[in-house]
C-alpha atoms as a PDB file:
ATOM      1  CA  MET A   1      54.229 153.755 -13.996  1.00  0.00           C
ATOM      2  CA  THR A   2      50.601 152.594 -13.858  1.00  0.00           C
ATOM      3  CA  GLN A   3      50.175 148.876 -13.242  1.00  0.00           C
ATOM      4  CA  LYS A   4      47.312 146.394 -13.263  1.00  0.00           C
ATOM      5  CA  ILE A   5      46.838 144.803  -9.846  1.00  0.00           C
ATOM      6  CA  LEU A   6      44.793 141.761  -8.834  1.00  0.00           C
ATOM      7  CA  PHE A   7      43.669 141.425  -5.227  1.00  0.00           C
ATOM      8  CA  LEU A   8      43.041 137.758  -4.523  1.00  0.00           C
ATOM      9  CA  GLY A   9      40.739 138.087  -1.544  1.00  0.00           C
ATOM     10  CA  TYR A  10      39.147 141.470  -0.921  1.00  0.00           C
ATOM     11  CA  GLY A  11      38.826 142.236   2.762  1.00  0.00           C
ATOM     12  CA  ASP A  12      39.883 145.239   4.830  1.00  0.00           C
ATOM     13  CA  ILE A  13      43.591 145.235   3.914  1.00  0.00           C
ATOM     14  CA  ALA A  14      42.870 144.814   0.201  1.00  0.00           C
ATOM     15  CA  TYR A  15      40.291 147.608   0.328  1.00  0.00           C
ATOM     16  CA  ARG A  16      42.708 149.967   2.084  1.00  0.00           C
ATOM     17  CA  THR A  17      45.495 149.161  -0.372  1.00  0.00           C
ATOM     18  CA  ALA A  18      43.223 149.518  -3.392  1.00  0.00           C
ATOM     19  CA  GLN A  19      42.138 152.906  -2.084  1.00  0.00           C
ATOM     20  CA  LEU A  20      45.759 154.087  -2.088  1.00  0.00           C
ATOM     21  CA  LEU A  21      46.494 152.672  -5.545  1.00  0.00           C
ATOM     22  CA  ALA A  22      43.269 153.898  -7.155  1.00  0.00           C
ATOM     23  CA  ALA A  23      44.128 157.402  -5.962  1.00  0.00           C
ATOM     24  CA  CYS A  24      47.286 157.075  -8.084  1.00  0.00           C
ATOM     25  CA  ARG A  25      45.138 155.867 -11.013  1.00  0.00           C
ATOM     26  CA  TRP A  26      46.442 152.316 -10.900  1.00  0.00           C
ATOM     27  CA  GLN A  27      44.108 149.704 -12.349  1.00  0.00           C
ATOM     28  CA  CYS A  28      42.805 147.456  -9.566  1.00  0.00           C
ATOM     29  CA  VAL A  29      40.656 144.323  -9.646  1.00  0.00           C
ATOM     30  CA  GLY A  30      39.358 142.723  -6.459  1.00  0.00           C
ATOM     31  CA  ALA A  31      38.373 139.045  -6.629  1.00  0.00           C
ATOM     32  CA  CYS A  32      36.243 137.457  -3.916  1.00  0.00           C
ATOM     33  CA  ARG A  33      33.280 135.107  -3.549  1.00  0.00           C
ATOM     34  CA  HIS A  34      30.680 137.787  -2.800  1.00  0.00           C
ATOM     35  CA  PRO A  35      31.657 141.164  -4.290  1.00  0.00           C
ATOM     36  CA  GLU A  36      28.076 142.383  -3.800  1.00  0.00           C
ATOM     37  CA  HIS A  37      28.803 142.506  -0.060  1.00  0.00           C
ATOM     38  CA  LYS A  38      31.931 144.638  -0.443  1.00  0.00           C
ATOM     39  CA  PRO A  39      32.213 148.437  -0.391  1.00  0.00           C
ATOM     40  CA  THR A  40      32.812 149.949  -3.815  1.00  0.00           C
ATOM     41  CA  LEU A  41      35.640 152.270  -4.785  1.00  0.00           C
ATOM     42  CA  ALA A  42      36.009 154.431  -7.858  1.00  0.00           C
ATOM     43  CA  GLY A  43      38.638 152.859 -10.112  1.00  0.00           C
ATOM     44  CA  VAL A  44      38.367 149.393  -8.525  1.00  0.00           C
ATOM     45  CA  GLU A  45      36.570 146.576 -10.332  1.00  0.00           C
ATOM     46  CA  LEU A  46      35.139 143.789  -8.175  1.00  0.00           C
ATOM     47  CA  ILE A  47      34.792 140.299  -9.656  1.00  0.00           C
ATOM     48  CA  SER A  48      33.114 137.185  -8.286  1.00  0.00           C
ATOM     49  CA  ALA A  49      35.703 134.396  -8.116  1.00  0.00           C
ATOM     50  CA  ASP A  50      36.598 131.541  -5.791  1.00  0.00           C
ATOM     51  CA  ALA A  51      40.314 131.281  -4.984  1.00  0.00           C
ATOM     52  CA  ASN A  52      39.809 127.547  -4.346  1.00  0.00           C
ATOM     53  CA  ASN A  53      38.608 127.049  -7.921  1.00  0.00           C
ATOM     54  CA  GLU A  54      41.454 126.660 -10.421  1.00  0.00           C
ATOM     55  CA  ASP A  55      39.189 127.497 -13.361  1.00  0.00           C
ATOM     56  CA  ASP A  56      38.233 130.802 -11.726  1.00  0.00           C
ATOM     57  CA  LEU A  57      41.901 131.598 -11.139  1.00  0.00           C
ATOM     58  CA  ARG A  58      42.811 130.691 -14.709  1.00  0.00           C
ATOM     59  CA  ALA A  59      40.180 133.080 -16.035  1.00  0.00           C
ATOM     60  CA  LEU A  60      41.451 135.860 -13.788  1.00  0.00           C
ATOM     61  CA  LEU A  61      45.078 135.415 -14.799  1.00  0.00           C
ATOM     62  CA  GLY A  62      44.060 135.649 -18.432  1.00  0.00           C
ATOM     63  CA  GLN A  63      43.487 139.372 -17.871  1.00  0.00           C
ATOM     64  CA  GLY A  64      47.238 140.004 -17.706  1.00  0.00           C
ATOM     65  CA  PHE A  65      48.117 141.452 -14.297  1.00  0.00           C
ATOM     66  CA  ASP A  66      51.455 142.938 -13.264  1.00  0.00           C
ATOM     67  CA  THR A  67      51.114 141.962  -9.590  1.00  0.00           C
ATOM     68  CA  ILE A  68      48.858 139.705  -7.531  1.00  0.00           C
ATOM     69  CA  ILE A  69      48.270 140.718  -3.908  1.00  0.00           C
ATOM     70  CA  ILE A  70      47.048 137.785  -1.826  1.00  0.00           C
ATOM     71  CA  THR A  71      44.988 138.658   1.258  1.00  0.00           C
ATOM     72  CA  LEU A  72      43.121 135.435   1.972  1.00  0.00           C
ATOM     73  CA  THR A  73      41.138 134.350   5.033  1.00  0.00           C
ATOM     74  CA  PRO A  74      40.425 130.885   6.459  1.00  0.00           C
ATOM     75  CA  THR A  75      37.150 129.235   5.499  1.00  0.00           C
ATOM     76  CA  SER A  76      36.804 128.268   9.192  1.00  0.00           C
ATOM     77  CA  VAL A  77      39.002 128.562  12.294  1.00  0.00           C
ATOM     78  CA  ASP A  78      39.979 124.871  12.423  1.00  0.00           C
ATOM     79  CA  PRO A  79      43.091 123.437  10.680  1.00  0.00           C
ATOM     80  CA  ASP A  80      41.108 122.354   7.617  1.00  0.00           C
ATOM     81  CA  GLY A  81      39.702 125.873   7.305  1.00  0.00           C
ATOM     82  CA  TYR A  82      43.225 127.295   7.169  1.00  0.00           C
ATOM     83  CA  HIS A  83      44.278 124.618   4.702  1.00  0.00           C
ATOM     84  CA  GLN A  84      41.333 125.349   2.404  1.00  0.00           C
ATOM     85  CA  GLY A  85      41.628 129.104   2.870  1.00  0.00           C
ATOM     86  CA  TYR A  86      45.379 129.449   2.290  1.00  0.00           C
ATOM     87  CA  VAL A  87      47.211 126.337   1.098  1.00  0.00           C
ATOM     88  CA  VAL A  88      44.780 125.151  -1.562  1.00  0.00           C
ATOM     89  CA  PRO A  89      44.434 128.532  -3.343  1.00  0.00           C
ATOM     90  CA  CYS A  90      48.199 129.034  -3.269  1.00  0.00           C
ATOM     91  CA  ARG A  91      48.771 125.603  -4.794  1.00  0.00           C
ATOM     92  CA  HIS A  92      46.332 126.396  -7.600  1.00  0.00           C
ATOM     93  CA  LEU A  93      47.965 129.767  -8.176  1.00  0.00           C
ATOM     94  CA  GLN A  94      51.512 128.398  -8.195  1.00  0.00           C
ATOM     95  CA  HIS A  95      50.479 125.726 -10.710  1.00  0.00           C
ATOM     96  CA  LEU A  96      48.940 128.331 -13.014  1.00  0.00           C
ATOM     97  CA  LEU A  97      51.870 130.747 -12.742  1.00  0.00           C
ATOM     98  CA  HIS A  98      54.140 128.035 -14.149  1.00  0.00           C
ATOM     99  CA  GLN A  99      51.972 128.013 -17.273  1.00  0.00           C
ATOM    100  CA  LEU A 100      52.353 131.742 -18.015  1.00  0.00           C
ATOM    101  CA  PRO A 101      55.172 133.083 -20.219  1.00  0.00           C
ATOM    102  CA  ASN A 102      55.416 136.271 -18.110  1.00  0.00           C
ATOM    103  CA  PRO A 103      53.912 135.529 -14.694  1.00  0.00           C
ATOM    104  CA  PRO A 104      52.980 138.491 -12.491  1.00  0.00           C
ATOM    105  CA  ARG A 105      54.807 139.269  -9.288  1.00  0.00           C
ATOM    106  CA  VAL A 106      53.170 138.096  -6.068  1.00  0.00           C
ATOM    107  CA  ILE A 107      52.762 139.780  -2.679  1.00  0.00           C
ATOM    108  CA  TYR A 108      51.397 137.419  -0.031  1.00  0.00           C
ATOM    109  CA  VAL A 109      50.085 138.722   3.293  1.00  0.00           C
ATOM    110  CA  SER A 110      51.068 136.092   5.852  1.00  0.00           C
ATOM    111  CA  SER A 111      51.416 136.235   9.635  1.00  0.00           C
ATOM    112  CA  THR A 112      54.053 136.089  12.347  1.00  0.00           C
ATOM    113  CA  GLN A 113      52.183 132.994  13.571  1.00  0.00           C
ATOM    114  CA  VAL A 114      54.821 131.155  11.510  1.00  0.00           C
ATOM    115  CA  TYR A 115      57.208 131.848  14.409  1.00  0.00           C
ATOM    116  CA  GLY A 116      56.583 129.594  17.409  1.00  0.00           C
ATOM    117  CA  HIS A 117      58.780 131.384  19.962  1.00  0.00           C
ATOM    118  CA  ARG A 118      57.388 131.414  23.510  1.00  0.00           C
ATOM    119  CA  ASN A 119      60.076 132.912  25.758  1.00  0.00           C
ATOM    120  CA  GLY A 120      60.152 136.555  24.680  1.00  0.00           C
ATOM    121  CA  GLU A 121      62.993 136.047  22.186  1.00  0.00           C
ATOM    122  CA  TRP A 122      63.865 138.711  19.639  1.00  0.00           C
ATOM    123  CA  VAL A 123      62.768 137.485  16.212  1.00  0.00           C
ATOM    124  CA  ASP A 124      63.672 138.627  12.705  1.00  0.00           C
ATOM    125  CA  GLU A 125      63.319 137.235   9.192  1.00  0.00           C
ATOM    126  CA  SER A 126      66.240 134.844   9.723  1.00  0.00           C
ATOM    127  CA  SER A 127      64.715 133.249  12.832  1.00  0.00           C
ATOM    128  CA  ALA A 128      63.516 129.656  12.707  1.00  0.00           C
ATOM    129  CA  THR A 129      59.969 129.156  11.452  1.00  0.00           C
ATOM    130  CA  GLU A 130      58.591 126.464  13.735  1.00  0.00           C
ATOM    131  CA  PRO A 131      54.906 127.263  14.250  1.00  0.00           C
ATOM    132  CA  SER A 132      53.317 126.161  17.521  1.00  0.00           C
ATOM    133  CA  THR A 133      49.766 126.232  16.120  1.00  0.00           C
ATOM    134  CA  ALA A 134      48.028 124.440  13.255  1.00  0.00           C
ATOM    135  CA  SER A 135      47.018 127.777  11.740  1.00  0.00           C
ATOM    136  CA  GLY A 136      50.634 128.946  11.771  1.00  0.00           C
ATOM    137  CA  ALA A 137      51.699 125.701  10.093  1.00  0.00           C
ATOM    138  CA  MET A 138      49.147 126.208   7.298  1.00  0.00           C
ATOM    139  CA  LEU A 139      50.231 129.826   6.771  1.00  0.00           C
ATOM    140  CA  LEU A 140      53.851 128.709   6.513  1.00  0.00           C
ATOM    141  CA  GLN A 141      52.942 125.913   4.095  1.00  0.00           C
ATOM    142  CA  ALA A 142      51.183 128.446   1.856  1.00  0.00           C
ATOM    143  CA  GLU A 143      54.326 130.621   1.916  1.00  0.00           C
ATOM    144  CA  GLN A 144      56.474 127.676   0.886  1.00  0.00           C
ATOM    145  CA  VAL A 145      54.127 126.754  -1.946  1.00  0.00           C
ATOM    146  CA  LEU A 146      54.219 130.275  -3.345  1.00  0.00           C
ATOM    147  CA  GLN A 147      57.998 130.472  -3.059  1.00  0.00           C
ATOM    148  CA  GLY A 148      58.118 127.671  -5.616  1.00  0.00           C
ATOM    149  CA  SER A 149      56.587 130.015  -8.193  1.00  0.00           C
ATOM    150  CA  PRO A 150      58.522 131.191 -11.284  1.00  0.00           C
ATOM    151  CA  THR A 151      58.277 134.843 -10.290  1.00  0.00           C
ATOM    152  CA  ALA A 152      59.268 137.317  -7.577  1.00  0.00           C
ATOM    153  CA  VAL A 153      57.303 136.477  -4.419  1.00  0.00           C
ATOM    154  CA  THR A 154      57.178 138.924  -1.505  1.00  0.00           C
ATOM    155  CA  ILE A 155      56.070 137.532   1.867  1.00  0.00           C
ATOM    156  CA  LEU A 156      54.701 139.937   4.484  1.00  0.00           C
ATOM    157  CA  ARG A 157      54.615 138.350   7.933  1.00  0.00           C
ATOM    158  CA  CYS A 158      52.284 140.661   9.799  1.00  0.00           C
ATOM    159  CA  ALA A 159      52.096 141.118  13.557  1.00  0.00           C
ATOM    160  CA  GLY A 160      48.672 141.450  15.211  1.00  0.00           C
ATOM    161  CA  ILE A 161      46.709 143.856  13.016  1.00  0.00           C
ATOM    162  CA  TYR A 162      44.592 146.498  14.731  1.00  0.00           C
ATOM    163  CA  GLY A 163      42.627 149.517  13.547  1.00  0.00           C
ATOM    164  CA  PRO A 164      39.065 150.499  12.625  1.00  0.00           C
ATOM    165  CA  GLY A 165      36.686 147.554  12.449  1.00  0.00           C
ATOM    166  CA  ARG A 166      38.913 145.301  14.558  1.00  0.00           C
ATOM    167  CA  GLU A 167      37.274 145.596  17.967  1.00  0.00           C
ATOM    168  CA  ARG A 168      37.390 142.010  19.226  1.00  0.00           C
ATOM    169  CA  LEU A 169      40.113 142.691  21.797  1.00  0.00           C
ATOM    170  CA  GLN A 170      38.443 145.892  22.976  1.00  0.00           C
ATOM    171  CA  THR A 171      35.224 143.948  23.511  1.00  0.00           C
ATOM    172  CA  MET A 172      37.045 141.219  25.435  1.00  0.00           C
ATOM    173  CA  ILE A 173      38.745 143.764  27.708  1.00  0.00           C
ATOM    174  CA  GLN A 174      35.505 145.682  28.243  1.00  0.00           C
ATOM    175  CA  GLY A 175      33.631 142.483  29.053  1.00  0.00           C
ATOM    176  CA  GLY A 176      36.321 141.078  31.333  1.00  0.00           C
ATOM    177  CA  LYS A 177      37.035 138.080  29.077  1.00  0.00           C
ATOM    178  CA  ALA A 178      40.649 138.953  28.236  1.00  0.00           C
ATOM    179  CA  VAL A 179      43.362 137.232  30.297  1.00  0.00           C
ATOM    180  CA  VAL A 180      46.604 139.033  31.169  1.00  0.00           C
ATOM    181  CA  THR A 181      49.730 136.872  30.819  1.00  0.00           C
ATOM    182  CA  PRO A 182      53.470 137.715  30.859  1.00  0.00           C
ATOM    183  CA  ALA A 183      53.642 137.370  27.059  1.00  0.00           C
ATOM    184  CA  TRP A 184      55.278 139.889  24.747  1.00  0.00           C
ATOM    185  CA  THR A 185      52.946 141.110  21.994  1.00  0.00           C
ATOM    186  CA  ASN A 186      53.506 142.837  18.663  1.00  0.00           C
ATOM    187  CA  HIS A 187      51.227 145.055  16.626  1.00  0.00           C
ATOM    188  CA  ILE A 188      50.753 146.777  13.274  1.00  0.00           C
ATOM    189  CA  HIS A 189      48.014 149.215  12.268  1.00  0.00           C
ATOM    190  CA  SER A 190      45.954 148.201   9.245  1.00  0.00           C
ATOM    191  CA  ALA A 191      46.855 151.523   7.611  1.00  0.00           C
ATOM    192  CA  ASP A 192      50.539 150.560   7.763  1.00  0.00           C
ATOM    193  CA  VAL A 193      49.967 147.098   6.293  1.00  0.00           C
ATOM    194  CA  ALA A 194      48.207 148.734   3.337  1.00  0.00           C
ATOM    195  CA  GLY A 195      50.733 151.553   3.207  1.00  0.00           C
ATOM    196  CA  PHE A 196      53.693 149.179   3.075  1.00  0.00           C
ATOM    197  CA  ILE A 197      52.108 147.108   0.297  1.00  0.00           C
ATOM    198  CA  ALA A 198      51.468 150.231  -1.772  1.00  0.00           C
ATOM    199  CA  TYR A 199      55.012 151.425  -1.085  1.00  0.00           C
ATOM    200  CA  LEU A 200      56.553 148.124  -2.210  1.00  0.00           C
ATOM    201  CA  LEU A 201      54.583 148.207  -5.445  1.00  0.00           C
ATOM    202  CA  GLN A 202      56.378 151.433  -6.297  1.00  0.00           C
ATOM    203  CA  GLN A 203      59.760 150.056  -5.168  1.00  0.00           C
ATOM    204  CA  PRO A 204      60.368 146.895  -7.235  1.00  0.00           C
ATOM    205  CA  GLN A 205      63.956 146.660  -5.981  1.00  0.00           C
ATOM    206  CA  HIS A 206      62.552 145.752  -2.547  1.00  0.00           C
ATOM    207  CA  GLN A 207      60.203 143.054  -3.796  1.00  0.00           C
ATOM    208  CA  GLY A 208      60.906 139.323  -3.761  1.00  0.00           C
ATOM    209  CA  GLN A 209      61.818 139.391  -0.050  1.00  0.00           C
ATOM    210  CA  VAL A 210      60.395 138.231   3.270  1.00  0.00           C
ATOM    211  CA  TYR A 211      59.460 141.040   5.662  1.00  0.00           C
ATOM    212  CA  ILE A 212      58.264 141.162   9.236  1.00  0.00           C
ATOM    213  CA  VAL A 213      55.587 143.858   9.249  1.00  0.00           C
ATOM    214  CA  SER A 214      55.343 145.231  12.779  1.00  0.00           C
ATOM    215  CA  ASP A 215      55.608 148.558  14.546  1.00  0.00           C
ATOM    216  CA  ASN A 216      58.649 149.773  16.436  1.00  0.00           C
ATOM    217  CA  GLN A 217      57.787 148.656  19.968  1.00  0.00           C
ATOM    218  CA  PRO A 218      56.878 145.178  21.229  1.00  0.00           C
ATOM    219  CA  LEU A 219      54.716 145.488  24.335  1.00  0.00           C
ATOM    220  CA  LEU A 220      54.140 143.240  27.281  1.00  0.00           C
ATOM    221  CA  GLN A 221      50.542 142.104  27.095  1.00  0.00           C
ATOM    222  CA  GLU A 222      49.670 143.981  30.288  1.00  0.00           C
ATOM    223  CA  GLU A 223      50.884 147.274  28.805  1.00  0.00           C
ATOM    224  CA  ALA A 224      49.109 146.655  25.495  1.00  0.00           C
ATOM    225  CA  TYR A 225      45.858 145.927  27.311  1.00  0.00           C
ATOM    226  CA  ARG A 226      46.295 148.979  29.531  1.00  0.00           C
ATOM    227  CA  ARG A 227      46.675 151.254  26.502  1.00  0.00           C
ATOM    228  CA  ILE A 228      43.584 149.776  24.884  1.00  0.00           C
ATOM    229  CA  ALA A 229      41.602 150.069  28.117  1.00  0.00           C
ATOM    230  CA  THR A 230      42.585 153.730  28.512  1.00  0.00           C
ATOM    231  CA  GLN A 231      41.437 154.447  24.952  1.00  0.00           C
ATOM    232  CA  ILE A 232      38.015 152.913  25.532  1.00  0.00           C
ATOM    233  CA  GLY A 233      37.554 154.443  28.981  1.00  0.00           C
ATOM    234  CA  THR A 234      38.068 151.476  31.274  1.00  0.00           C
ATOM    235  CA  SER A 235      40.890 149.743  33.166  1.00  0.00           C
ATOM    236  CA  ILE A 236      42.400 146.268  33.306  1.00  0.00           C
ATOM    237  CA  ASP A 237      41.976 145.835  37.052  1.00  0.00           C
ATOM    238  CA  HIS A 238      39.018 143.471  36.550  1.00  0.00           C
ATOM    239  CA  LEU A 239      40.859 141.111  34.205  1.00  0.00           C
ATOM    240  CA  THR A 240      41.959 137.575  35.112  1.00  0.00           C
ATOM    241  CA  ARG A 241      45.714 137.020  35.300  1.00  0.00           C
ATOM    242  CA  SER A 242      47.640 133.860  34.453  1.00  0.00           C
ATOM    243  CA  ASP A 243      51.267 132.784  34.125  1.00  0.00           C
ATOM    244  CA  VAL A 244      50.364 130.489  31.216  1.00  0.00           C
ATOM    245  CA  ILE A 245      51.461 131.829  27.815  1.00  0.00           C
ATOM    246  CA  GLY A 246      48.696 131.518  25.225  1.00  0.00           C
ATOM    247  CA  PRO A 247      48.868 129.698  21.876  1.00  0.00           C
ATOM    248  CA  ARG A 248      50.311 132.710  20.035  1.00  0.00           C
ATOM    249  CA  GLY A 249      53.441 132.508  22.174  1.00  0.00           C
ATOM    250  CA  SER A 250      55.690 135.321  23.367  1.00  0.00           C
ATOM    251  CA  LYS A 251      58.213 137.050  21.112  1.00  0.00           C
ATOM    252  CA  ARG A 252      59.595 140.470  20.276  1.00  0.00           C
ATOM    253  CA  LEU A 253      59.654 141.268  16.580  1.00  0.00           C
ATOM    254  CA  ARG A 254      62.339 143.283  14.830  1.00  0.00           C
ATOM    255  CA  ASN A 255      61.124 145.405  11.909  1.00  0.00           C
ATOM    256  CA  ASP A 256      64.573 146.614  10.804  1.00  0.00           C
ATOM    257  CA  LYS A 257      64.300 145.083   7.334  1.00  0.00           C
ATOM    258  CA  MET A 258      60.953 146.744   6.645  1.00  0.00           C
ATOM    259  CA  ARG A 259      62.230 150.120   7.837  1.00  0.00           C
ATOM    260  CA  ALA A 260      65.415 149.732   5.761  1.00  0.00           C
ATOM    261  CA  THR A 261      63.288 149.926   2.604  1.00  0.00           C
ATOM    262  CA  GLY A 262      62.597 153.569   3.458  1.00  0.00           C
ATOM    263  CA  TYR A 263      58.966 153.057   4.457  1.00  0.00           C
ATOM    264  CA  CYS A 264      57.878 155.401   7.277  1.00  0.00           C
ATOM    265  CA  LEU A 265      55.309 153.980   9.674  1.00  0.00           C
ATOM    266  CA  LYS A 266      52.169 156.031  10.193  1.00  0.00           C
ATOM    267  CA  TYR A 267      51.710 154.362  13.582  1.00  0.00           C
ATOM    268  CA  PRO A 268      55.235 153.542  14.844  1.00  0.00           C
ATOM    269  CA  VAL A 269      53.987 152.704  18.352  1.00  0.00           C
ATOM    270  CA  ARG A 270      50.623 151.378  19.457  1.00  0.00           C
ATOM    271  CA  ILE A 271      48.825 154.168  21.316  1.00  0.00           C
ATOM    272  CA  THR A 272      45.323 153.627  19.910  1.00  0.00           C
ATOM    273  CA  ALA A 273      42.792 150.894  20.535  1.00  0.00           C
END
């Protein structure tokens, strides 16, 4: 059944998801500060709106959406930027949802930064959420705010997203700025983040849950870097090595719950840069 979908934040993941939904003739609206800078898609309406502005959000919600997909970004990389980029908009949204007689469902794209594990532990949705970074703490706070909404809220805790347009790590490896540590890393292709969102929208029985969104194989950082280096035609022999685990910690993610929904990963193992 065709639905009306609001994308709150309209970056790469929202664009990819909207592309899938528009192909099925779903009605999609993307809301962001500067829609004139975004690529256009047939069947997707772009609207100028600030997620930090409650009046803007109120006007958007007046259009009567079935689902809101939240793909926000920090306003800056410091703690206040994460607070303004995630927590504040989610507080406004939760407040407004309480005022609606039939509030739309919510899908919030979060991060596995909410897990602070540092010793290579296996982690699933039941594991303790004790972030070791300020950004992880803000992402978790936004989750908790949304979970106080009077509607079904789905939380997607994504591993490190890679794919077209995400070349920062490739550049660091190529330029010798990446540091190899003994950390375990976890990955998910941007096509699978979008694909899983689109799949859930068509499977309402699986909504209202928390999911780790990751591929099937955690990799030691050295192996992940080696695969990337091979793809871009270099090696990791020139990289600095350290025994110090970085701020993102070291953990191995289980994606059993995501796979149990019936979703089939397009990229089950990271073999591309």
